Protein backbone atom coordinates (compact mmCIF):
# COMPACT_ATOMS: atom_id res chain seq x y z
CA MET A 1 -6.85 -48.79 -34.45
CA PRO A 2 -7.60 -45.34 -35.96
CA GLN A 3 -5.82 -42.37 -34.29
CA GLN A 4 -8.01 -39.40 -33.22
CA THR A 5 -6.45 -36.55 -31.46
CA GLY A 6 -7.91 -35.74 -27.93
CA THR A 7 -10.13 -39.01 -27.68
CA VAL A 8 -9.78 -41.97 -25.33
CA MET A 9 -11.18 -45.58 -25.70
CA CYS A 10 -13.87 -46.62 -23.25
CA LYS A 11 -14.42 -50.30 -22.19
CA LYS A 12 -17.02 -50.74 -25.06
CA ARG A 13 -14.20 -49.66 -27.60
CA ARG A 14 -16.42 -46.57 -28.50
CA ASN A 15 -14.41 -43.33 -29.41
CA ILE A 16 -15.46 -40.60 -26.91
CA THR A 17 -13.77 -37.38 -25.95
CA ALA A 18 -11.84 -36.89 -22.69
CA LYS A 19 -14.33 -34.65 -21.55
CA GLU A 20 -17.41 -37.01 -22.13
CA TYR A 21 -15.34 -39.76 -20.61
CA LEU A 22 -14.81 -38.11 -17.29
CA GLY A 23 -18.38 -36.81 -17.27
CA GLU A 24 -19.42 -40.36 -17.60
CA ILE A 25 -17.31 -41.42 -14.64
CA MET A 26 -18.56 -38.70 -12.56
CA ARG A 27 -22.20 -39.47 -13.21
CA ASN A 28 -21.59 -43.17 -12.58
CA ARG A 29 -19.96 -42.47 -9.31
CA LYS A 30 -22.66 -39.87 -8.22
CA ILE A 31 -20.16 -37.09 -7.52
CA GLU A 32 -21.03 -34.60 -4.94
CA TYR A 33 -19.58 -31.37 -5.88
CA LEU A 34 -18.15 -29.13 -3.50
CA ARG A 35 -19.50 -25.78 -3.73
CA PHE A 36 -17.09 -22.87 -3.00
CA GLY A 37 -19.10 -20.15 -4.71
CA GLN A 38 -17.28 -17.24 -6.24
CA SER A 39 -14.64 -16.94 -3.48
CA PRO A 40 -11.72 -14.61 -4.72
CA GLY A 41 -9.33 -16.66 -2.66
CA LEU A 42 -9.69 -19.87 -4.58
CA SER A 43 -8.24 -20.38 -8.16
CA LEU A 44 -9.99 -22.47 -10.70
CA LYS A 45 -7.21 -24.86 -10.63
CA MET A 46 -7.55 -25.24 -6.79
CA ILE A 47 -11.31 -25.86 -7.22
CA THR A 48 -10.88 -28.14 -9.85
CA ALA A 49 -8.43 -30.22 -7.97
CA MET A 50 -10.77 -30.46 -4.89
CA LEU A 51 -13.66 -31.73 -7.30
CA LEU A 52 -11.32 -34.40 -8.61
CA ALA A 53 -10.45 -35.26 -5.00
CA THR A 54 -13.94 -36.86 -4.72
CA LEU A 55 -13.34 -39.11 -7.85
CA LEU A 56 -9.72 -40.17 -7.34
CA LEU A 57 -7.94 -41.94 -4.67
CA PRO A 58 -4.63 -40.69 -3.47
CA LEU A 59 -1.46 -42.18 -2.37
CA PRO A 60 -0.73 -42.85 1.32
CA THR A 61 0.24 -39.83 3.39
CA LEU A 62 3.88 -38.88 2.43
CA ALA A 63 6.70 -37.95 4.53
CA SER A 64 9.06 -34.88 3.86
CA ASP A 65 11.82 -37.40 3.17
CA THR A 66 12.58 -38.77 -0.40
CA GLY A 67 11.38 -42.15 -1.39
CA ARG A 68 12.84 -45.24 -0.45
CA ALA A 69 15.10 -47.59 -2.70
CA ASP A 70 12.28 -50.02 -3.12
CA GLY A 71 10.18 -47.45 -4.78
CA LYS A 72 7.61 -47.11 -2.10
CA VAL A 73 6.92 -43.85 -0.29
CA LYS A 74 7.49 -43.57 3.56
CA THR A 75 4.57 -42.61 5.52
CA ALA A 76 4.58 -39.11 7.23
CA VAL A 77 4.39 -38.49 11.01
CA PRO A 78 0.64 -37.83 11.39
CA ARG A 79 -0.08 -34.18 11.30
CA ALA A 80 -2.42 -34.30 14.21
CA THR A 81 0.53 -35.18 16.46
CA ARG A 82 2.56 -32.19 15.58
CA SER A 83 2.65 -28.92 17.83
CA THR A 84 4.22 -25.48 17.51
CA GLY A 85 6.89 -26.41 20.11
CA GLN A 86 9.48 -27.44 17.50
CA ILE A 87 8.74 -24.32 15.50
CA ALA A 88 8.99 -22.15 18.37
CA ALA A 89 12.43 -23.39 19.32
CA PHE A 90 13.45 -23.20 15.77
CA ILE A 91 12.44 -19.45 15.47
CA LYS A 92 14.04 -18.67 18.72
CA ARG A 93 17.36 -19.99 17.50
CA ILE A 94 17.04 -17.79 14.31
CA TRP A 95 16.24 -14.81 16.29
CA LEU A 96 19.52 -15.21 18.22
CA GLU A 97 21.71 -15.75 15.16
CA SER A 98 20.06 -13.95 12.31
CA PRO A 99 22.15 -11.13 10.78
CA LEU A 100 19.01 -9.16 10.46
CA MET A 101 18.21 -9.54 14.03
CA LEU A 102 21.75 -8.80 15.21
CA GLU A 103 21.52 -5.55 13.02
CA ALA A 104 18.22 -4.59 14.78
CA ASN A 105 19.57 -5.33 18.28
CA ALA A 106 22.56 -2.85 17.38
CA LYS A 107 20.18 -0.21 16.15
CA LEU A 108 18.06 -0.62 19.32
CA GLN A 109 21.09 -0.17 21.53
CA ALA A 110 22.16 2.87 19.51
CA ALA A 111 18.57 4.43 20.02
CA ARG A 112 18.91 3.71 23.74
CA ASN A 113 22.17 5.41 24.10
CA GLN A 114 21.15 8.24 22.02
CA ALA A 115 18.12 8.79 24.40
CA ARG A 116 20.47 8.78 27.28
CA ALA A 117 22.70 11.28 25.68
CA ASP A 118 20.06 13.61 24.89
CA SER A 119 18.82 13.61 28.43
CA LYS A 120 22.14 15.05 29.80
CA TRP A 121 22.80 18.66 30.36
CA LEU A 122 23.19 20.49 27.05
CA TYR A 123 26.20 22.70 28.23
CA ASN A 124 29.20 22.13 30.32
CA PRO A 125 31.06 24.76 32.44
CA GLU A 126 34.39 26.33 31.23
CA VAL A 127 37.20 27.23 33.59
CA GLU A 128 39.84 29.90 32.51
CA PHE A 129 43.10 30.86 34.14
CA THR A 130 45.10 33.99 33.42
CA VAL A 131 48.53 34.95 34.71
CA GLU A 132 50.53 38.01 33.61
CA ASP A 133 53.93 38.87 34.90
CA ASN A 134 54.99 42.42 33.76
CA GLU A 135 58.57 43.59 34.72
CA GLY A 136 58.44 46.25 37.32
CA ALA A 137 54.75 45.48 38.27
CA ASP A 138 52.80 42.95 40.45
CA LYS A 139 51.58 39.68 38.84
CA THR A 140 48.11 39.30 37.44
CA LYS A 141 46.44 36.28 38.55
CA LEU A 142 42.86 35.69 37.51
CA VAL A 143 40.52 32.55 37.47
CA GLY A 144 37.37 32.59 35.77
CA ILE A 145 34.42 30.11 35.35
CA SER A 146 31.63 30.37 32.88
CA GLN A 147 28.37 28.61 32.21
CA THR A 148 25.95 28.72 29.41
CA ILE A 149 22.48 28.52 30.74
CA ASP A 150 19.87 26.38 29.03
CA TRP A 151 17.42 29.23 29.51
CA ASN A 152 14.84 27.89 27.03
CA GLY A 153 14.74 24.24 27.90
CA LYS A 154 16.49 22.97 24.82
CA ALA A 155 17.69 19.90 26.58
CA ARG A 156 14.12 19.00 27.80
CA ALA A 157 12.79 19.31 24.18
CA ALA A 158 15.71 17.16 22.79
CA GLY A 159 15.27 14.41 25.40
CA ARG A 160 11.43 14.32 24.68
CA VAL A 161 12.40 13.75 20.88
CA ALA A 162 14.81 11.05 21.87
CA ARG A 163 12.44 9.17 23.96
CA PHE A 164 9.90 9.16 20.98
CA GLU A 165 12.63 7.91 18.64
CA LEU A 166 13.56 5.20 21.28
CA GLN A 167 9.79 4.19 21.27
CA GLY A 168 10.08 3.97 17.23
CA ALA A 169 13.20 1.88 17.70
CA ILE A 170 11.66 -0.49 19.71
CA ALA A 171 8.76 -0.85 17.67
CA GLU A 172 11.14 -1.32 14.42
CA HIS A 173 12.99 -3.97 16.40
CA ASP A 174 9.69 -5.85 17.01
CA GLU A 175 8.71 -5.61 13.37
CA THR A 176 11.87 -7.01 12.25
CA ARG A 177 11.55 -9.80 14.81
CA GLN A 178 8.15 -10.55 13.34
CA ASN A 179 9.11 -10.23 9.77
CA VAL A 180 12.06 -12.51 10.20
CA ALA A 181 9.82 -15.47 11.83
CA VAL A 182 7.03 -14.92 9.16
CA ASP A 183 9.42 -14.85 6.41
CA LEU A 184 11.02 -17.98 7.63
CA LEU A 185 7.74 -19.82 8.28
CA THR A 186 6.47 -18.95 4.73
CA ALA A 187 9.72 -20.18 3.16
CA LEU A 188 9.61 -23.37 5.25
CA ALA A 189 6.13 -24.13 4.32
CA GLU A 190 6.83 -23.62 0.38
CA TYR A 191 10.18 -25.77 1.02
CA ARG A 192 8.11 -28.55 2.79
CA ALA A 193 5.44 -28.56 -0.15
CA SER A 194 7.99 -28.68 -2.91
CA LYS A 195 9.77 -31.54 -1.08
CA GLU A 196 6.29 -33.42 -1.03
CA VAL A 197 5.68 -32.58 -4.70
CA LEU A 198 9.17 -33.83 -5.59
CA ILE A 199 8.29 -37.27 -3.90
CA LEU A 200 5.05 -37.47 -5.70
CA SER A 201 6.79 -36.56 -8.98
CA ALA A 202 9.42 -39.44 -8.30
CA GLU A 203 6.46 -41.74 -7.82
CA ARG A 204 4.85 -40.60 -10.95
CA THR A 205 8.09 -41.17 -12.91
CA ARG A 206 8.44 -44.56 -11.40
CA LEU A 207 4.85 -45.51 -12.35
CA MET A 208 5.29 -44.16 -15.90
CA GLU A 209 8.49 -45.80 -16.46
CA ARG A 210 6.84 -49.23 -15.34
CA PHE A 211 3.75 -48.44 -17.48
CA ALA A 212 5.99 -47.64 -20.50
CA ALA A 213 8.09 -50.88 -20.18
CA LEU A 214 4.93 -52.99 -19.77
CA GLU A 215 3.42 -51.40 -22.94
CA ALA A 216 6.63 -51.89 -24.89
CA ARG A 217 6.48 -55.57 -23.97
CA ARG A 218 2.78 -55.79 -25.18
CA PHE A 219 3.68 -53.84 -28.46
CA LYS A 220 6.49 -56.42 -29.06
CA ALA A 221 3.92 -59.23 -28.51
CA GLY A 222 1.33 -57.43 -30.96
CA ASP A 223 -1.13 -56.94 -28.17
CA ILE A 224 -1.35 -53.20 -28.94
CA ASP A 225 -0.73 -50.86 -31.83
CA GLN A 226 1.76 -48.02 -32.31
CA SER A 227 -0.53 -45.30 -31.12
CA GLU A 228 -0.84 -46.97 -27.71
CA TYR A 229 2.86 -47.53 -27.52
CA ASN A 230 3.71 -44.01 -28.22
CA MET A 231 1.22 -42.71 -25.70
CA ALA A 232 3.06 -44.71 -22.93
CA GLN A 233 6.37 -43.39 -24.11
CA LEU A 234 5.12 -39.75 -24.13
CA ALA A 235 3.56 -40.18 -20.64
CA PHE A 236 7.12 -41.45 -19.39
CA SER A 237 8.84 -38.59 -21.03
CA GLU A 238 6.36 -36.08 -19.63
CA ALA A 239 6.76 -37.51 -16.04
CA LEU A 240 10.54 -36.82 -16.51
CA ILE A 241 10.01 -33.45 -17.57
CA GLN A 242 7.84 -32.88 -14.68
CA HIS A 243 10.09 -34.46 -12.17
CA ALA A 244 13.00 -32.19 -13.43
CA ASP A 245 10.84 -29.16 -12.98
CA ALA A 246 10.08 -30.33 -9.47
CA GLU A 247 13.73 -30.52 -8.58
CA SER A 248 14.34 -27.14 -9.94
CA THR A 249 11.61 -25.70 -8.00
CA LEU A 250 12.74 -27.60 -4.80
CA GLY A 251 16.23 -25.87 -5.41
CA GLU A 252 14.68 -22.46 -5.58
CA LYS A 253 12.69 -22.99 -2.36
CA ARG A 254 15.76 -24.23 -0.64
CA LEU A 255 17.62 -21.14 -1.74
CA ALA A 256 14.68 -18.96 -0.51
CA LEU A 257 14.73 -20.85 2.88
CA ASP A 258 18.45 -20.37 3.21
CA SER A 259 18.08 -16.71 2.45
CA ALA A 260 15.30 -16.54 5.13
CA ILE A 261 17.56 -18.20 7.64
CA GLY A 262 20.36 -15.69 6.98
CA PHE A 263 23.37 -17.89 8.07
CA SER A 264 25.09 -21.22 7.20
CA ALA A 265 22.71 -24.22 7.47
CA ASN A 266 25.46 -26.36 8.98
CA LYS A 267 25.05 -24.14 12.15
CA MET A 268 21.25 -24.74 12.62
CA MET A 269 19.10 -27.51 13.94
CA ALA A 270 16.89 -29.83 11.88
CA LEU A 271 14.17 -28.17 9.89
CA PRO A 272 10.86 -28.48 11.88
CA ALA A 273 7.47 -29.89 10.65
CA LEU A 274 4.53 -27.77 10.37
CA PRO A 275 1.93 -28.40 13.20
CA GLY A 276 -0.56 -30.96 12.45
CA ARG A 277 -3.73 -29.03 12.83
CA LEU A 278 -4.55 -25.58 11.35
CA PRO A 279 -5.11 -22.99 14.05
CA LYS A 280 -8.34 -21.39 14.51
CA LEU A 281 -8.94 -17.54 13.89
CA SER A 282 -9.29 -15.49 17.02
CA LYS A 283 -9.04 -11.80 17.90
CA ASN A 284 -8.54 -12.46 21.67
CA GLY A 285 -11.53 -10.15 22.11
CA ARG A 286 -9.95 -7.10 20.33
CA SER A 287 -11.59 -5.20 17.43
CA ALA A 288 -9.69 -4.70 14.19
CA ASP A 289 -8.67 -1.09 15.29
CA GLU A 290 -7.19 -2.46 18.27
CA LEU A 291 -5.28 -5.08 16.46
CA VAL A 292 -3.91 -2.55 13.95
CA ALA A 293 -2.91 -0.02 16.68
CA ARG A 294 -0.88 -2.75 18.26
CA LEU A 295 1.03 -3.64 15.20
CA PRO A 296 4.69 -2.95 15.34
CA ALA A 297 4.84 -0.99 11.91
CA ILE A 298 2.00 1.29 13.14
CA ARG A 299 3.66 1.79 16.57
CA MET A 300 6.84 2.79 14.87
CA ARG A 301 5.06 5.33 12.66
CA GLN A 302 3.10 6.79 15.52
CA SER A 303 6.23 7.25 17.44
CA ARG A 304 8.10 8.77 14.55
CA ASN A 305 5.11 11.22 14.26
CA SER A 306 5.33 12.03 17.82
CA ALA A 307 8.97 12.45 17.54
CA LEU A 308 8.51 14.86 14.58
CA ARG A 309 5.74 16.96 16.42
CA ALA A 310 8.15 17.25 19.46
CA SER A 311 10.90 18.36 17.03
CA ILE A 312 8.88 21.41 16.14
CA THR A 313 9.17 22.62 19.78
CA ARG A 314 12.92 21.85 19.75
CA ALA A 315 13.35 23.81 16.65
CA GLN A 316 11.29 26.68 18.03
CA ARG A 317 13.49 26.72 21.19
CA ASP A 318 16.76 26.63 19.19
CA ARG A 319 15.79 29.91 17.80
CA PHE A 320 16.45 31.64 20.99
CA ALA A 321 20.15 32.12 22.21
CA ASP A 322 21.21 31.08 25.63
CA PRO A 323 23.18 33.46 27.84
CA THR A 324 26.55 32.66 29.01
CA LEU A 325 27.34 33.78 32.68
CA THR A 326 31.13 34.29 33.68
CA LEU A 327 32.49 34.83 37.20
CA THR A 328 36.03 36.12 37.50
CA GLY A 329 38.11 36.62 40.50
CA GLY A 330 41.82 37.06 41.52
CA LYS A 331 44.45 39.84 41.58
CA ASP A 332 45.01 42.37 38.81
CA THR A 333 48.42 43.87 39.15
CA GLY A 334 48.27 43.37 42.90
CA ALA A 335 44.77 44.63 43.37
CA ARG A 336 41.77 42.20 44.10
CA LEU A 337 39.45 41.83 41.32
CA ILE A 338 35.93 40.26 41.15
CA GLY A 339 33.91 40.45 38.05
CA VAL A 340 30.67 39.14 36.64
CA SER A 341 29.93 39.22 32.89
CA VAL A 342 26.98 38.05 30.69
CA SER A 343 27.21 37.58 26.93
CA ILE A 344 23.90 36.80 24.90
CA PRO A 345 24.32 36.05 21.05
CA PHE A 346 21.97 38.02 18.78
CA ASN A 347 20.51 36.01 15.75
CA VAL A 348 20.65 38.92 13.44
CA PHE A 349 21.86 37.11 10.34
CA ASN A 350 19.94 33.93 10.78
CA SER A 351 16.73 33.82 12.65
CA TYR A 352 16.36 29.90 12.42
CA LYS A 353 13.01 30.22 11.30
CA ALA A 354 13.39 28.00 8.29
CA GLU A 355 14.33 25.10 10.53
CA VAL A 356 10.82 25.53 12.23
CA ASP A 357 9.14 25.36 8.99
CA VAL A 358 10.90 22.18 8.10
CA ALA A 359 10.06 20.46 11.26
CA LYS A 360 6.24 21.59 10.76
CA TYR A 361 6.12 20.09 7.27
CA ARG A 362 7.92 16.89 8.08
CA SER A 363 5.42 16.39 10.96
CA ALA A 364 2.45 16.96 8.58
CA SER A 365 3.93 14.56 5.96
CA GLU A 366 4.43 11.81 8.62
CA ALA A 367 0.92 12.42 9.91
CA GLN A 368 -0.52 11.61 6.49
CA SER A 369 1.76 8.79 6.13
CA LEU A 370 0.54 7.26 9.35
CA GLN A 371 -3.13 7.65 8.14
CA SER A 372 -2.36 5.89 4.99
CA ALA A 373 -0.25 3.13 6.68
CA TYR A 374 -3.11 2.59 9.28
CA TYR A 375 -5.70 2.29 6.40
CA ILE A 376 -3.68 -0.19 4.51
CA ALA A 377 -3.05 -2.29 7.46
CA LYS A 378 -6.64 -2.46 8.34
CA SER A 379 -7.45 -3.53 4.76
CA ARG A 380 -4.49 -6.13 4.94
CA LEU A 381 -6.04 -7.49 8.18
CA ASN A 382 -9.57 -8.01 6.81
CA SER A 383 -8.27 -9.54 3.59
CA SER A 384 -5.94 -11.78 5.31
CA ARG A 385 -8.78 -12.92 7.70
CA ARG A 386 -11.05 -13.74 4.55
CA LYS A 387 -8.15 -15.49 2.56
CA TYR A 388 -7.41 -17.73 5.66
CA GLU A 389 -11.18 -18.71 6.02
CA LEU A 390 -11.48 -19.51 2.33
CA THR A 391 -8.17 -21.85 2.17
CA SER A 392 -8.76 -23.50 5.53
CA ARG A 393 -12.40 -24.20 4.66
CA ALA A 394 -11.16 -25.71 1.44
CA TRP A 395 -8.52 -27.95 3.34
CA SER A 396 -11.31 -29.02 5.73
CA ALA A 397 -13.45 -30.24 2.79
CA TRP A 398 -10.50 -31.88 1.25
CA ASN A 399 -9.85 -33.81 4.51
CA SER A 400 -13.51 -34.66 5.22
CA ARG A 401 -14.39 -35.74 1.66
CA GLY A 402 -11.45 -35.93 -0.80
CA SER A 403 -8.77 -37.49 1.29
CA ARG A 404 -10.77 -40.46 2.52
CA ALA A 405 -11.55 -41.23 -1.08
CA LEU A 406 -7.96 -41.56 -1.82
CA GLU A 407 -6.76 -44.56 0.21
CA ASP A 408 -4.50 -46.99 -2.17
CA GLN A 409 -5.81 -45.66 -5.45
CA VAL A 410 -2.47 -46.28 -7.25
CA ASP A 411 -2.42 -49.99 -6.19
CA THR A 412 -6.08 -50.33 -7.00
CA LEU A 413 -5.48 -48.86 -10.45
CA ASP A 414 -2.56 -51.24 -11.07
CA LYS A 415 -4.65 -54.18 -10.12
CA LYS A 416 -7.48 -53.29 -12.59
CA PHE A 417 -5.05 -52.54 -15.27
CA LYS A 418 -3.15 -55.90 -14.93
CA VAL A 419 -6.25 -57.91 -14.97
CA GLY A 420 -7.66 -56.02 -17.91
CA GLU A 421 -10.54 -54.09 -16.28
CA LEU A 422 -8.96 -50.74 -17.40
CA SER A 423 -7.51 -49.94 -20.89
CA ALA A 424 -4.17 -48.17 -21.05
CA THR A 425 -5.78 -44.96 -21.85
CA GLU A 426 -8.14 -45.14 -18.79
CA TYR A 427 -5.26 -46.19 -16.57
CA LEU A 428 -3.05 -43.26 -17.79
CA VAL A 429 -5.90 -40.86 -17.41
CA GLN A 430 -6.79 -41.78 -13.94
CA ILE A 431 -3.20 -42.44 -12.49
CA GLN A 432 -2.30 -38.91 -13.71
CA GLN A 433 -5.54 -37.37 -11.95
CA THR A 434 -4.57 -39.16 -8.93
CA LEU A 435 -1.27 -37.82 -8.59
CA ASN A 436 -2.24 -34.27 -9.75
CA THR A 437 -4.85 -34.18 -7.19
CA ARG A 438 -2.38 -35.37 -4.51
CA ILE A 439 0.09 -32.59 -5.73
CA ALA A 440 -2.83 -30.00 -5.58
CA ALA A 441 -3.63 -31.09 -2.06
CA GLU A 442 -0.03 -30.58 -0.93
CA GLU A 443 0.03 -27.11 -2.58
CA LEU A 444 -3.35 -26.34 -0.96
CA TYR A 445 -1.89 -27.40 2.33
CA SER A 446 1.07 -25.01 2.03
CA LYS A 447 -1.10 -22.16 0.77
CA THR A 448 -3.34 -22.58 3.90
CA TRP A 449 -0.44 -22.27 6.17
CA ASN A 450 1.10 -19.35 4.35
CA ALA A 451 -2.47 -17.62 4.72
CA TRP A 452 -2.29 -18.38 8.43
CA PHE A 453 1.31 -16.82 8.59
CA GLU A 454 0.11 -13.75 6.72
CA TRP A 455 -2.69 -13.42 9.24
CA ILE A 456 -0.43 -13.61 12.33
CA LYS A 457 1.72 -10.93 10.82
CA VAL A 458 -0.70 -8.47 9.97
CA SER A 459 -2.67 -9.08 13.27
CA GLY A 460 0.53 -8.80 15.36
CA SER A 461 0.10 -12.17 16.92
CA VAL A 462 3.29 -13.97 15.89
CA GLU A 463 4.87 -14.54 19.20
CA GLN A 464 1.49 -15.19 20.77
CA TRP A 465 0.98 -18.28 18.34
CA LEU A 466 4.59 -19.53 18.95
CA GLN A 467 3.85 -19.45 22.61
CA GLY A 468 0.75 -21.51 22.00
CA GLU A 469 -1.82 -18.77 23.07
C-alpha cells in the first residue's frame, strides 16, 4: 500500500484527504450545523467541537472518580439532581477557616474599635498638687485642675471620619468574603473538569493500547502493511503523551484548588459537585447601575471617598488650637488662694495649612478613582452577562443536539471495526473525534460555570445564589 502523508483510505480503497473524508461523512449524515454567528465569547475550537458533536457519539456520562479496574468508566450522578446545598455548606466551612477570612475579620474588628476610640472625648482633665514647706513660713498647699476644651469640634470630625472608614472596612470584608467564594468555585470547576478529562484520557489510552495490540497481531499475520502498523503504534504513543499532560494539568488544578481553600485539605469536607442545572440570569428587578452601586468594591471606594472628604474638615479644624482652662485653689503661705488661668497656643511657625491641602488632593484623587472603578465595574457586568449567555447557549445546544447523538459511540465503533465495516484509519479518526468532542464538552461545561461565577461576582449576588435566591 503506498504511503501518502495526510490521507486516509475510504471503504472503496480510494485515496482522499482527511478533509474530503470528513466532508463526505458530514454530507452523508445530513449534518445540521449549529450557527453561533461571530460571537466573541466562543473560540474556533469550541465551535468546531460543537459541530463535531452532531457527527460523533460520546461515551456515557462520566463521574468525577477515576476509571474502574475493568477499564469501564463509572456513570456520574445525573447533573439534574444536584443543587447548591452542598456547595453552600462547603463555602460556609471555608469562610470559617480560611486565613484570608480570618485576616479580614481581624481588620474589621480593628476598624470597629478605631471608630469607638475616635468617638471618645479628645482631651482628658489634668490634676496638679503643689505643697511647699519653707522654714519660718506657713506651708503652701495648692490643688489645680485643668481641662483642654475641644473648642472647634475636632472629636466630632474625627468620629465622622472613623465612621466612614468603618463602612469601608465592612465593604472590604464583604468583598474578601465574595472573592474567597468565587475563587474557590472557579478552582473547583476547573479541577472537576480536569478530572473528567483525565478519565477520558485514560479511556483514550486504553482504547489505543487495545487498538495497537490488535494491529500488531494483524501485522504479524500479514493482514496489514507496515504503514498501518506504524499508525497504530503512533496513535498509542500520542495517547500516552496526552494522558501524561492530563495528569500534569490535574496536578496544577489541584494545587490551585488547595491555594483557594487556604488550609490543609485533611481538615475539610469532601469536595462538592457542581449543581446539575445552569442558573438563569436575573437582575432581581435592578438596573445595571443599581447592581454596580451595591458591589462591595464600589461601596468600599465610596466610603473611602466620603472618609477623605470628611478628613478635609478634620484637617481644617486641626489648624485651630484649643484653649486650656485651669482652676487653682488652696493656701499660699497661709493665705487662701483661688485662681483661674487660660492658655491658648499660637500657631505661628506652623499654620497646618499644608495638611488641609493634602487632604483636599487625596479626596480629589479618590473621587476620580471611584469614577474609574464604577465605569470598569459596569463594563464587566455587561461583558460577563454576554459571556454567560453565549456559553450557556452553546452548552444548551450541545445538550439538545450533540449529547443525544453520543450514546455508546465507542462500542459502536468497536463493533464495526471488528466486523470489518471500518478500516483502521476510519476507526482511528472517528474514535479520536469522539473522545476529543467529549473532552471539549467537559471543558465547555467548566467554562460555562466559570462564566456564571464571574457573573455573580460582578453583580454582587454570590450569597443570594448560595442561598438559592
